[in-house]
Amino acid sequence: YRRQRKTIQPRRHLCGTCRGALQELPMVHRGGVAAPLTPAITPPPPAP
């Protein structure tokens, strides 16, 4: 899950797909685009 603001709180929110626990990822900027530092599976389309 990607957001412009820190609107997701792992203590309060669960995954909308499987209800699993969420973990915040560190972000790096490559070519002007923010991307997770740790590789992750991202099945399309993203669900809020």
All heavy atoms as atom14 arrays in JSON, in Angstrom:
{
  "sequence": "YRRQRKTIQPRRHLCGTCRGALQELPMVHRGGVAAPLTPAITPPPPAP",
  "atom14_mask": [
    [1, 1, 1, 1, 1, 1, 1, 1, 1, 1, 1, 1, 0, 0],
    [1, 1, 1, 1, 1, 1, 1, 1, 1, 1, 1, 0, 0, 0],
    [1, 1, 1, 1, 1, 1, 1, 1, 1, 1, 1, 0, 0, 0],
    [1, 1, 1, 1, 1, 1, 1, 1, 1, 0, 0, 0, 0, 0],
    [1, 1, 1, 1, 1, 1, 1, 1, 1, 1, 1, 0, 0, 0],
    [1, 1, 1, 1, 1, 1, 1, 1, 1, 0, 0, 0, 0, 0],
    [1, 1, 1, 1, 1, 1, 1, 0, 0, 0, 0, 0, 0, 0],
    [1, 1, 1, 1, 1, 1, 1, 1, 0, 0, 0, 0, 0, 0],
    [1, 1, 1, 1, 1, 1, 1, 1, 1, 0, 0, 0, 0, 0],
    [1, 1, 1, 1, 1, 1, 1, 0, 0, 0, 0, 0, 0, 0],
    [1, 1, 1, 1, 1, 1, 1, 1, 1, 1, 1, 0, 0, 0],
    [1, 1, 1, 1, 1, 1, 1, 1, 1, 1, 1, 0, 0, 0],
    [1, 1, 1, 1, 1, 1, 1, 1, 1, 1, 0, 0, 0, 0],
    [1, 1, 1, 1, 1, 1, 1, 1, 0, 0, 0, 0, 0, 0],
    [1, 1, 1, 1, 1, 1, 0, 0, 0, 0, 0, 0, 0, 0],
    [1, 1, 1, 1, 0, 0, 0, 0, 0, 0, 0, 0, 0, 0],
    [1, 1, 1, 1, 1, 1, 1, 0, 0, 0, 0, 0, 0, 0],
    [1, 1, 1, 1, 1, 1, 0, 0, 0, 0, 0, 0, 0, 0],
    [1, 1, 1, 1, 1, 1, 1, 1, 1, 1, 1, 0, 0, 0],
    [1, 1, 1, 1, 0, 0, 0, 0, 0, 0, 0, 0, 0, 0],
    [1, 1, 1, 1, 1, 0, 0, 0, 0, 0, 0, 0, 0, 0],
    [1, 1, 1, 1, 1, 1, 1, 1, 0, 0, 0, 0, 0, 0],
    [1, 1, 1, 1, 1, 1, 1, 1, 1, 0, 0, 0, 0, 0],
    [1, 1, 1, 1, 1, 1, 1, 1, 1, 0, 0, 0, 0, 0],
    [1, 1, 1, 1, 1, 1, 1, 1, 0, 0, 0, 0, 0, 0],
    [1, 1, 1, 1, 1, 1, 1, 0, 0, 0, 0, 0, 0, 0],
    [1, 1, 1, 1, 1, 1, 1, 1, 0, 0, 0, 0, 0, 0],
    [1, 1, 1, 1, 1, 1, 1, 0, 0, 0, 0, 0, 0, 0],
    [1, 1, 1, 1, 1, 1, 1, 1, 1, 1, 0, 0, 0, 0],
    [1, 1, 1, 1, 1, 1, 1, 1, 1, 1, 1, 0, 0, 0],
    [1, 1, 1, 1, 0, 0, 0, 0, 0, 0, 0, 0, 0, 0],
    [1, 1, 1, 1, 0, 0, 0, 0, 0, 0, 0, 0, 0, 0],
    [1, 1, 1, 1, 1, 1, 1, 0, 0, 0, 0, 0, 0, 0],
    [1, 1, 1, 1, 1, 0, 0, 0, 0, 0, 0, 0, 0, 0],
    [1, 1, 1, 1, 1, 0, 0, 0, 0, 0, 0, 0, 0, 0],
    [1, 1, 1, 1, 1, 1, 1, 0, 0, 0, 0, 0, 0, 0],
    [1, 1, 1, 1, 1, 1, 1, 1, 0, 0, 0, 0, 0, 0],
    [1, 1, 1, 1, 1, 1, 1, 0, 0, 0, 0, 0, 0, 0],
    [1, 1, 1, 1, 1, 1, 1, 0, 0, 0, 0, 0, 0, 0],
    [1, 1, 1, 1, 1, 0, 0, 0, 0, 0, 0, 0, 0, 0],
    [1, 1, 1, 1, 1, 1, 1, 1, 0, 0, 0, 0, 0, 0],
    [1, 1, 1, 1, 1, 1, 1, 0, 0, 0, 0, 0, 0, 0],
    [1, 1, 1, 1, 1, 1, 1, 0, 0, 0, 0, 0, 0, 0],
    [1, 1, 1, 1, 1, 1, 1, 0, 0, 0, 0, 0, 0, 0],
    [1, 1, 1, 1, 1, 1, 1, 0, 0, 0, 0, 0, 0, 0],
    [1, 1, 1, 1, 1, 1, 1, 0, 0, 0, 0, 0, 0, 0],
    [1, 1, 1, 1, 1, 0, 0, 0, 0, 0, 0, 0, 0, 0],
    [1, 1, 1, 1, 1, 1, 1, 0, 0, 0, 0, 0, 0, 0]
  ],
  "atom14_positions": [
    [[0.86, -1.18, 0.0], [0.0, 0.0, 0.0], [0.89, 1.23, 0.0], [1.75, 1.38, 0.88], [-0.9, 0.02, 1.24], [-1.88, -1.13, 1.3], [-1.49, -2.35, 1.86], [-3.16, -1.01, 0.79], [-2.38, -3.42, 1.91], [-4.05, -2.06, 0.85], [-3.66, -3.26, 1.4], [-4.54, -4.32, 1.45], [0.0, 0.0, 0.0], [0.0, 0.0, 0.0]],
    [[0.68, 2.13, -0.97], [1.47, 3.36, -1.04], [0.56, 4.56, -0.79], [-0.55, 4.61, -1.31], [2.14, 3.48, -2.4], [3.17, 2.39, -2.68], [3.78, 2.57, -4.08], [4.86, 1.64, -4.31], [4.72, 0.41, -4.8], [3.5, -0.04, -5.07], [5.75, -0.36, -4.99], [0.0, 0.0, 0.0], [0.0, 0.0, 0.0], [0.0, 0.0, 0.0]],
    [[1.05, 5.52, -0.06], [0.29, 6.72, 0.25], [1.2, 7.94, 0.24], [2.4, 7.83, 0.51], [-0.38, 6.62, 1.64], [-1.42, 5.51, 1.78], [-2.65, 5.77, 0.94], [-3.7, 4.8, 1.2], [-3.82, 3.64, 0.53], [-2.94, 3.34, -0.42], [-4.81, 2.82, 0.81], [0.0, 0.0, 0.0], [0.0, 0.0, 0.0], [0.0, 0.0, 0.0]],
    [[0.62, 9.09, -0.08], [1.36, 10.34, -0.05], [1.6, 10.8, 1.39], [2.6, 11.44, 1.7], [0.62, 11.44, -0.82], [1.41, 12.73, -0.93], [0.64, 13.81, -1.66], [-0.57, 13.74, -1.76], [1.34, 14.81, -2.16], [0.0, 0.0, 0.0], [0.0, 0.0, 0.0], [0.0, 0.0, 0.0], [0.0, 0.0, 0.0], [0.0, 0.0, 0.0]],
    [[0.65, 10.46, 2.28], [0.76, 10.84, 3.68], [0.72, 9.58, 4.55], [0.33, 8.51, 4.09], [-0.41, 11.77, 4.06], [-0.31, 13.15, 3.44], [-1.63, 13.9, 3.51], [-2.59, 13.37, 2.54], [-3.66, 12.66, 2.87], [-3.92, 12.41, 4.13], [-4.47, 12.2, 1.94], [0.0, 0.0, 0.0], [0.0, 0.0, 0.0], [0.0, 0.0, 0.0]],
    [[1.12, 9.72, 5.78], [1.2, 8.57, 6.69], [-0.18, 8.3, 7.28], [-0.42, 8.51, 8.47], [2.22, 8.85, 7.78], [3.12, 7.67, 8.09], [4.28, 8.07, 8.98], [5.24, 6.9, 9.1], [6.43, 7.24, 9.92], [0.0, 0.0, 0.0], [0.0, 0.0, 0.0], [0.0, 0.0, 0.0], [0.0, 0.0, 0.0], [0.0, 0.0, 0.0]],
    [[-1.08, 7.83, 6.44], [-2.47, 7.62, 6.86], [-2.73, 6.2, 7.34], [-3.81, 5.93, 7.87], [-3.42, 7.94, 5.7], [-3.04, 7.14, 4.56], [-3.35, 9.41, 5.32], [0.0, 0.0, 0.0], [0.0, 0.0, 0.0], [0.0, 0.0, 0.0], [0.0, 0.0, 0.0], [0.0, 0.0, 0.0], [0.0, 0.0, 0.0], [0.0, 0.0, 0.0]],
    [[-1.8, 5.28, 7.12], [-1.98, 3.9, 7.55], [-1.23, 3.67, 8.85], [-0.05, 4.0, 8.97], [-1.5, 2.91, 6.47], [-2.39, 3.01, 5.23], [-1.49, 1.48, 7.0], [-1.97, 2.11, 4.09], [0.0, 0.0, 0.0], [0.0, 0.0, 0.0], [0.0, 0.0, 0.0], [0.0, 0.0, 0.0], [0.0, 0.0, 0.0], [0.0, 0.0, 0.0]],
    [[-1.92, 3.12, 9.81], [-1.33, 2.81, 11.11], [-1.4, 1.3, 11.34], [-2.49, 0.75, 11.53], [-2.08, 3.54, 12.22], [-2.1, 5.05, 12.06], [-2.94, 5.74, 13.11], [-3.07, 5.24, 14.23], [-3.53, 6.87, 12.77], [0.0, 0.0, 0.0], [0.0, 0.0, 0.0], [0.0, 0.0, 0.0], [0.0, 0.0, 0.0], [0.0, 0.0, 0.0]],
    [[-0.25, 0.62, 11.28], [-0.25, -0.85, 11.42], [-0.94, -1.36, 12.68], [-1.46, -2.48, 12.68], [1.25, -1.18, 11.43], [1.88, -0.09, 10.63], [1.09, 1.15, 10.98], [0.0, 0.0, 0.0], [0.0, 0.0, 0.0], [0.0, 0.0, 0.0], [0.0, 0.0, 0.0], [0.0, 0.0, 0.0], [0.0, 0.0, 0.0], [0.0, 0.0, 0.0]],
    [[-0.98, -0.56, 13.74], [-1.65, -1.02, 14.96], [-3.17, -1.01, 14.81], [-3.87, -1.72, 15.54], [-1.25, -0.12, 16.14], [0.21, -0.28, 16.57], [0.49, 0.56, 17.81], [1.86, 0.41, 18.26], [2.38, 1.0, 19.34], [1.59, 1.79, 20.08], [3.63, 0.81, 19.67], [0.0, 0.0, 0.0], [0.0, 0.0, 0.0], [0.0, 0.0, 0.0]],
    [[-3.67, -0.2, 13.86], [-5.12, -0.07, 13.67], [-5.62, -0.72, 12.39], [-6.76, -1.16, 12.32], [-5.53, 1.41, 13.66], [-5.32, 2.14, 14.96], [-5.84, 3.57, 14.87], [-7.25, 3.58, 14.47], [-7.73, 4.28, 13.45], [-6.92, 5.03, 12.71], [-9.01, 4.25, 13.15], [0.0, 0.0, 0.0], [0.0, 0.0, 0.0], [0.0, 0.0, 0.0]],
    [[-4.79, -0.77, 11.36], [-5.24, -1.22, 10.05], [-4.67, -2.6, 9.72], [-3.55, -2.95, 10.12], [-4.82, -0.23, 8.97], [-5.43, 1.12, 9.13], [-4.71, 2.26, 9.39], [-6.72, 1.5, 9.07], [-5.51, 3.3, 9.47], [-6.75, 2.87, 9.3], [0.0, 0.0, 0.0], [0.0, 0.0, 0.0], [0.0, 0.0, 0.0], [0.0, 0.0, 0.0]],
    [[-5.45, -3.35, 8.95], [-5.04, -4.66, 8.44], [-5.09, -4.65, 6.92], [-5.67, -3.75, 6.31], [-5.97, -5.76, 8.98], [-6.0, -5.94, 10.5], [-7.07, -6.97, 10.87], [-4.65, -6.37, 11.04], [0.0, 0.0, 0.0], [0.0, 0.0, 0.0], [0.0, 0.0, 0.0], [0.0, 0.0, 0.0], [0.0, 0.0, 0.0], [0.0, 0.0, 0.0]],
    [[-4.49, -5.63, 6.31], [-4.51, -5.75, 4.85], [-5.95, -5.93, 4.37], [-6.71, -6.74, 4.9], [-3.66, -6.95, 4.42], [-3.73, -7.29, 2.65], [0.0, 0.0, 0.0], [0.0, 0.0, 0.0], [0.0, 0.0, 0.0], [0.0, 0.0, 0.0], [0.0, 0.0, 0.0], [0.0, 0.0, 0.0], [0.0, 0.0, 0.0], [0.0, 0.0, 0.0]],
    [[-6.32, -5.17, 3.34], [-7.67, -5.25, 2.8], [-7.92, -6.52, 2.02], [-9.06, -6.86, 1.72], [0.0, 0.0, 0.0], [0.0, 0.0, 0.0], [0.0, 0.0, 0.0], [0.0, 0.0, 0.0], [0.0, 0.0, 0.0], [0.0, 0.0, 0.0], [0.0, 0.0, 0.0], [0.0, 0.0, 0.0], [0.0, 0.0, 0.0], [0.0, 0.0, 0.0]],
    [[-6.85, -7.27, 1.67], [-7.0, -8.5, 0.9], [-7.12, -9.73, 1.79], [-8.04, -10.53, 1.65], [-5.81, -8.68, -0.06], [-5.75, -7.58, -0.96], [-5.93, -9.97, -0.86], [0.0, 0.0, 0.0], [0.0, 0.0, 0.0], [0.0, 0.0, 0.0], [0.0, 0.0, 0.0], [0.0, 0.0, 0.0], [0.0, 0.0, 0.0], [0.0, 0.0, 0.0]],
    [[-6.17, -9.87, 2.73], [-6.16, -11.1, 3.55], [-6.28, -10.83, 5.04], [-6.25, -11.77, 5.83], [-4.88, -11.89, 3.27], [-3.39, -11.11, 3.95], [0.0, 0.0, 0.0], [0.0, 0.0, 0.0], [0.0, 0.0, 0.0], [0.0, 0.0, 0.0], [0.0, 0.0, 0.0], [0.0, 0.0, 0.0], [0.0, 0.0, 0.0], [0.0, 0.0, 0.0]],
    [[-6.41, -9.55, 5.42], [-6.51, -9.15, 6.82], [-5.24, -9.42, 7.6], [-5.25, -9.51, 8.83], [-7.69, -9.83, 7.52], [-9.01, -9.77, 6.76], [-9.42, -8.34, 6.49], [-9.76, -7.63, 7.7], [-10.03, -6.32, 7.76], [-9.94, -5.6, 6.65], [-10.35, -5.75, 8.89], [0.0, 0.0, 0.0], [0.0, 0.0, 0.0], [0.0, 0.0, 0.0]],
    [[-4.11, -9.54, 6.9], [-2.84, -9.75, 7.56], [-2.29, -8.46, 8.16], [-2.75, -7.36, 7.86], [0.0, 0.0, 0.0], [0.0, 0.0, 0.0], [0.0, 0.0, 0.0], [0.0, 0.0, 0.0], [0.0, 0.0, 0.0], [0.0, 0.0, 0.0], [0.0, 0.0, 0.0], [0.0, 0.0, 0.0], [0.0, 0.0, 0.0], [0.0, 0.0, 0.0]],
    [[-1.25, -8.59, 8.99], [-0.62, -7.43, 9.61], [0.22, -6.66, 8.6], [0.78, -7.24, 7.65], [0.25, -7.88, 10.78], [0.0, 0.0, 0.0], [0.0, 0.0, 0.0], [0.0, 0.0, 0.0], [0.0, 0.0, 0.0], [0.0, 0.0, 0.0], [0.0, 0.0, 0.0], [0.0, 0.0, 0.0], [0.0, 0.0, 0.0], [0.0, 0.0, 0.0]],
    [[0.29, -5.33, 8.77], [1.03, -4.47, 7.86], [2.34, -4.01, 8.5], [2.41, -3.78, 9.7], [0.2, -3.25, 7.46], [-1.11, -3.55, 6.74], [-1.9, -2.26, 6.53], [-0.88, -4.25, 5.42], [0.0, 0.0, 0.0], [0.0, 0.0, 0.0], [0.0, 0.0, 0.0], [0.0, 0.0, 0.0], [0.0, 0.0, 0.0], [0.0, 0.0, 0.0]],
    [[3.36, -3.86, 7.66], [4.67, -3.41, 8.12], [5.12, -2.24, 7.25], [5.09, -2.32, 6.01], [5.69, -4.54, 8.02], [7.1, -4.14, 8.44], [8.08, -5.28, 8.28], [7.84, -6.21, 7.52], [9.19, -5.23, 9.0], [0.0, 0.0, 0.0], [0.0, 0.0, 0.0], [0.0, 0.0, 0.0], [0.0, 0.0, 0.0], [0.0, 0.0, 0.0]],
    [[5.52, -1.14, 7.88], [5.97, 0.03, 7.11], [7.32, -0.26, 6.47], [8.2, -0.88, 7.08], [6.07, 1.25, 8.01], [6.4, 2.52, 7.23], [6.35, 3.78, 8.08], [5.97, 3.68, 9.27], [6.7, 4.85, 7.55], [0.0, 0.0, 0.0], [0.0, 0.0, 0.0], [0.0, 0.0, 0.0], [0.0, 0.0, 0.0], [0.0, 0.0, 0.0]],
    [[7.47, 0.2, 5.22], [8.72, -0.01, 4.48], [9.5, 1.29, 4.37], [8.9, 2.35, 4.16], [8.41, -0.53, 3.06], [7.66, -1.86, 2.95], [7.34, -2.15, 1.49], [8.49, -3.0, 3.54], [0.0, 0.0, 0.0], [0.0, 0.0, 0.0], [0.0, 0.0, 0.0], [0.0, 0.0, 0.0], [0.0, 0.0, 0.0], [0.0, 0.0, 0.0]],
    [[10.82, 1.22, 4.49], [11.62, 2.42, 4.21], [11.57, 2.73, 2.73], [11.48, 1.82, 1.89], [13.03, 2.01, 4.67], [13.03, 0.52, 4.57], [11.63, 0.08, 4.9], [0.0, 0.0, 0.0], [0.0, 0.0, 0.0], [0.0, 0.0, 0.0], [0.0, 0.0, 0.0], [0.0, 0.0, 0.0], [0.0, 0.0, 0.0], [0.0, 0.0, 0.0]],
    [[11.6, 4.0, 2.36], [11.47, 4.41, 0.96], [12.75, 5.08, 0.47], [13.42, 5.79, 1.22], [10.29, 5.38, 0.8], [8.94, 4.81, 1.22], [8.28, 3.6, 0.07], [7.74, 4.67, -1.25], [0.0, 0.0, 0.0], [0.0, 0.0, 0.0], [0.0, 0.0, 0.0], [0.0, 0.0, 0.0], [0.0, 0.0, 0.0], [0.0, 0.0, 0.0]],
    [[13.07, 4.84, -0.8], [14.17, 5.54, -1.46], [13.63, 6.15, -2.74], [12.6, 5.74, -3.26], [15.34, 4.59, -1.79], [15.98, 4.07, -0.51], [14.87, 3.43, -2.66], [0.0, 0.0, 0.0], [0.0, 0.0, 0.0], [0.0, 0.0, 0.0], [0.0, 0.0, 0.0], [0.0, 0.0, 0.0], [0.0, 0.0, 0.0], [0.0, 0.0, 0.0]],
    [[14.3, 7.16, -3.28], [13.87, 7.83, -4.5], [14.82, 7.48, -5.64], [16.02, 7.72, -5.56], [13.81, 9.34, -4.28], [12.71, 9.76, -3.36], [11.5, 10.2, -3.8], [12.62, 9.75, -2.01], [10.71, 10.48, -2.78], [11.38, 10.21, -1.67], [0.0, 0.0, 0.0], [0.0, 0.0, 0.0], [0.0, 0.0, 0.0], [0.0, 0.0, 0.0]],
    [[14.23, 6.91, -6.69], [15.02, 6.56, -7.88], [14.41, 7.27, -9.08], [13.3, 6.97, -9.48], [15.01, 5.05, -8.12], [15.55, 4.23, -6.96], [15.68, 2.77, -7.37], [16.15, 1.95, -6.28], [15.39, 1.21, -5.5], [14.08, 1.22, -5.68], [15.9, 0.47, -4.54], [0.0, 0.0, 0.0], [0.0, 0.0, 0.0], [0.0, 0.0, 0.0]],
    [[15.14, 8.19, -9.65], [14.65, 8.91, -10.82], [13.4, 9.71, -10.54], [12.54, 9.86, -11.41], [0.0, 0.0, 0.0], [0.0, 0.0, 0.0], [0.0, 0.0, 0.0], [0.0, 0.0, 0.0], [0.0, 0.0, 0.0], [0.0, 0.0, 0.0], [0.0, 0.0, 0.0], [0.0, 0.0, 0.0], [0.0, 0.0, 0.0], [0.0, 0.0, 0.0]],
    [[13.28, 10.25, -9.32], [12.12, 11.08, -8.99], [10.91, 10.3, -8.55], [9.87, 10.87, -8.26], [0.0, 0.0, 0.0], [0.0, 0.0, 0.0], [0.0, 0.0, 0.0], [0.0, 0.0, 0.0], [0.0, 0.0, 0.0], [0.0, 0.0, 0.0], [0.0, 0.0, 0.0], [0.0, 0.0, 0.0], [0.0, 0.0, 0.0], [0.0, 0.0, 0.0]],
    [[11.03, 8.96, -8.51], [9.91, 8.12, -8.09], [10.25, 7.42, -6.8], [11.3, 6.79, -6.69], [9.56, 7.07, -9.18], [8.46, 6.14, -8.69], [9.15, 7.77, -10.46], [0.0, 0.0, 0.0], [0.0, 0.0, 0.0], [0.0, 0.0, 0.0], [0.0, 0.0, 0.0], [0.0, 0.0, 0.0], [0.0, 0.0, 0.0], [0.0, 0.0, 0.0]],
    [[9.39, 7.54, -5.8], [9.62, 6.88, -4.53], [9.32, 5.4, -4.66], [8.33, 5.0, -5.27], [8.74, 7.5, -3.45], [0.0, 0.0, 0.0], [0.0, 0.0, 0.0], [0.0, 0.0, 0.0], [0.0, 0.0, 0.0], [0.0, 0.0, 0.0], [0.0, 0.0, 0.0], [0.0, 0.0, 0.0], [0.0, 0.0, 0.0], [0.0, 0.0, 0.0]],
    [[10.2, 4.56, -4.11], [10.02, 3.12, -4.19], [10.42, 2.47, -2.88], [11.32, 2.97, -2.19], [10.85, 2.54, -5.35], [0.0, 0.0, 0.0], [0.0, 0.0, 0.0], [0.0, 0.0, 0.0], [0.0, 0.0, 0.0], [0.0, 0.0, 0.0], [0.0, 0.0, 0.0], [0.0, 0.0, 0.0], [0.0, 0.0, 0.0], [0.0, 0.0, 0.0]],
    [[9.78, 1.34, -2.51], [10.16, 0.65, -1.28], [11.6, 0.18, -1.38], [12.04, -0.31, -2.42], [9.19, -0.54, -1.22], [8.04, -0.13, -2.09], [8.64, 0.7, -3.18], [0.0, 0.0, 0.0], [0.0, 0.0, 0.0], [0.0, 0.0, 0.0], [0.0, 0.0, 0.0], [0.0, 0.0, 0.0], [0.0, 0.0, 0.0], [0.0, 0.0, 0.0]],
    [[12.34, 0.32, -0.28], [13.74, -0.12, -0.25], [13.82, -1.63, -0.32], [14.71, -2.18, -0.94], [14.4, 0.39, 1.04], [15.89, 0.07, 1.22], [16.69, 0.7, 0.09], [16.37, 0.58, 2.57], [0.0, 0.0, 0.0], [0.0, 0.0, 0.0], [0.0, 0.0, 0.0], [0.0, 0.0, 0.0], [0.0, 0.0, 0.0], [0.0, 0.0, 0.0]],
    [[12.86, -2.31, 0.32], [12.84, -3.77, 0.3], [11.95, -4.26, -0.82], [10.81, -3.82, -0.93], [12.3, -4.31, 1.64], [13.08, -3.76, 2.7], [12.37, -5.83, 1.67], [0.0, 0.0, 0.0], [0.0, 0.0, 0.0], [0.0, 0.0, 0.0], [0.0, 0.0, 0.0], [0.0, 0.0, 0.0], [0.0, 0.0, 0.0], [0.0, 0.0, 0.0]],
    [[12.42, -5.16, -1.71], [11.57, -5.69, -2.78], [10.3, -6.3, -2.21], [10.32, -6.94, -1.16], [12.45, -6.76, -3.44], [13.85, -6.36, -3.09], [13.77, -5.74, -1.72], [0.0, 0.0, 0.0], [0.0, 0.0, 0.0], [0.0, 0.0, 0.0], [0.0, 0.0, 0.0], [0.0, 0.0, 0.0], [0.0, 0.0, 0.0], [0.0, 0.0, 0.0]],
    [[9.2, -6.08, -2.91], [7.92, -6.58, -2.41], [7.04, -7.0, -3.57], [7.15, -6.48, -4.67], [7.2, -5.51, -1.59], [0.0, 0.0, 0.0], [0.0, 0.0, 0.0], [0.0, 0.0, 0.0], [0.0, 0.0, 0.0], [0.0, 0.0, 0.0], [0.0, 0.0, 0.0], [0.0, 0.0, 0.0], [0.0, 0.0, 0.0], [0.0, 0.0, 0.0]],
    [[6.18, -7.98, -3.31], [5.2, -8.41, -4.31], [4.06, -7.41, -4.31], [3.51, -7.09, -3.28], [4.67, -9.8, -3.98], [5.84, -10.8, -3.92], [3.62, -10.25, -4.98], [5.44, -12.16, -3.41], [0.0, 0.0, 0.0], [0.0, 0.0, 0.0], [0.0, 0.0, 0.0], [0.0, 0.0, 0.0], [0.0, 0.0, 0.0], [0.0, 0.0, 0.0]],
    [[3.72, -6.91, -5.51], [2.64, -5.93, -5.59], [1.62, -6.37, -6.63], [1.69, -5.99, -7.79], [3.19, -4.55, -5.98], [4.31, -4.26, -5.16], [2.12, -3.47, -5.81], [0.0, 0.0, 0.0], [0.0, 0.0, 0.0], [0.0, 0.0, 0.0], [0.0, 0.0, 0.0], [0.0, 0.0, 0.0], [0.0, 0.0, 0.0], [0.0, 0.0, 0.0]],
    [[0.67, -7.23, -6.28], [-0.32, -7.68, -7.27], [-1.26, -6.56, -7.66], [-1.84, -5.92, -6.79], [-1.07, -8.8, -6.52], [-0.89, -8.47, -5.07], [0.43, -7.77, -4.94], [0.0, 0.0, 0.0], [0.0, 0.0, 0.0], [0.0, 0.0, 0.0], [0.0, 0.0, 0.0], [0.0, 0.0, 0.0], [0.0, 0.0, 0.0], [0.0, 0.0, 0.0]],
    [[-1.41, -6.26, -8.97], [-2.33, -5.18, -9.38], [-3.76, -5.67, -9.32], [-4.02, -6.87, -9.45], [-1.9, -4.92, -10.83], [-1.35, -6.23, -11.31], [-0.73, -6.87, -10.1], [0.0, 0.0, 0.0], [0.0, 0.0, 0.0], [0.0, 0.0, 0.0], [0.0, 0.0, 0.0], [0.0, 0.0, 0.0], [0.0, 0.0, 0.0], [0.0, 0.0, 0.0]],
    [[-4.75, -4.73, -9.21], [-4.55, -3.31, -8.94], [-4.48, -3.07, -7.45], [-4.99, -3.88, -6.67], [-5.82, -2.67, -9.53], [-6.84, -3.74, -9.29], [-6.14, -5.07, -9.46], [0.0, 0.0, 0.0], [0.0, 0.0, 0.0], [0.0, 0.0, 0.0], [0.0, 0.0, 0.0], [0.0, 0.0, 0.0], [0.0, 0.0, 0.0], [0.0, 0.0, 0.0]],
    [[-3.87, -1.97, -6.97], [-3.8, -1.71, -5.54], [-5.17, -1.45, -4.96], [-5.98, -0.76, -5.56], [-2.91, -0.47, -5.45], [-3.05, 0.19, -6.78], [-3.24, -0.92, -7.76], [0.0, 0.0, 0.0], [0.0, 0.0, 0.0], [0.0, 0.0, 0.0], [0.0, 0.0, 0.0], [0.0, 0.0, 0.0], [0.0, 0.0, 0.0], [0.0, 0.0, 0.0]],
    [[-5.45, -2.0, -3.79], [-6.76, -1.83, -3.16], [-6.6, -0.99, -1.91], [-5.78, -1.29, -1.05], [-7.35, -3.19, -2.79], [0.0, 0.0, 0.0], [0.0, 0.0, 0.0], [0.0, 0.0, 0.0], [0.0, 0.0, 0.0], [0.0, 0.0, 0.0], [0.0, 0.0, 0.0], [0.0, 0.0, 0.0], [0.0, 0.0, 0.0], [0.0, 0.0, 0.0]],
    [[-7.38, 0.1, -1.77], [-7.3, 0.91, -0.56], [-7.9, 0.18, 0.62], [-8.71, -0.72, 0.47], [-8.15, 2.15, -0.92], [-9.11, 1.64, -1.94], [-8.36, 0.59, -2.73], [0.0, 0.0, 0.0], [0.0, 0.0, 0.0], [0.0, 0.0, 0.0], [0.0, 0.0, 0.0], [0.0, 0.0, 0.0], [0.0, 0.0, 0.0], [0.0, 0.0, 0.0]]
  ]
}
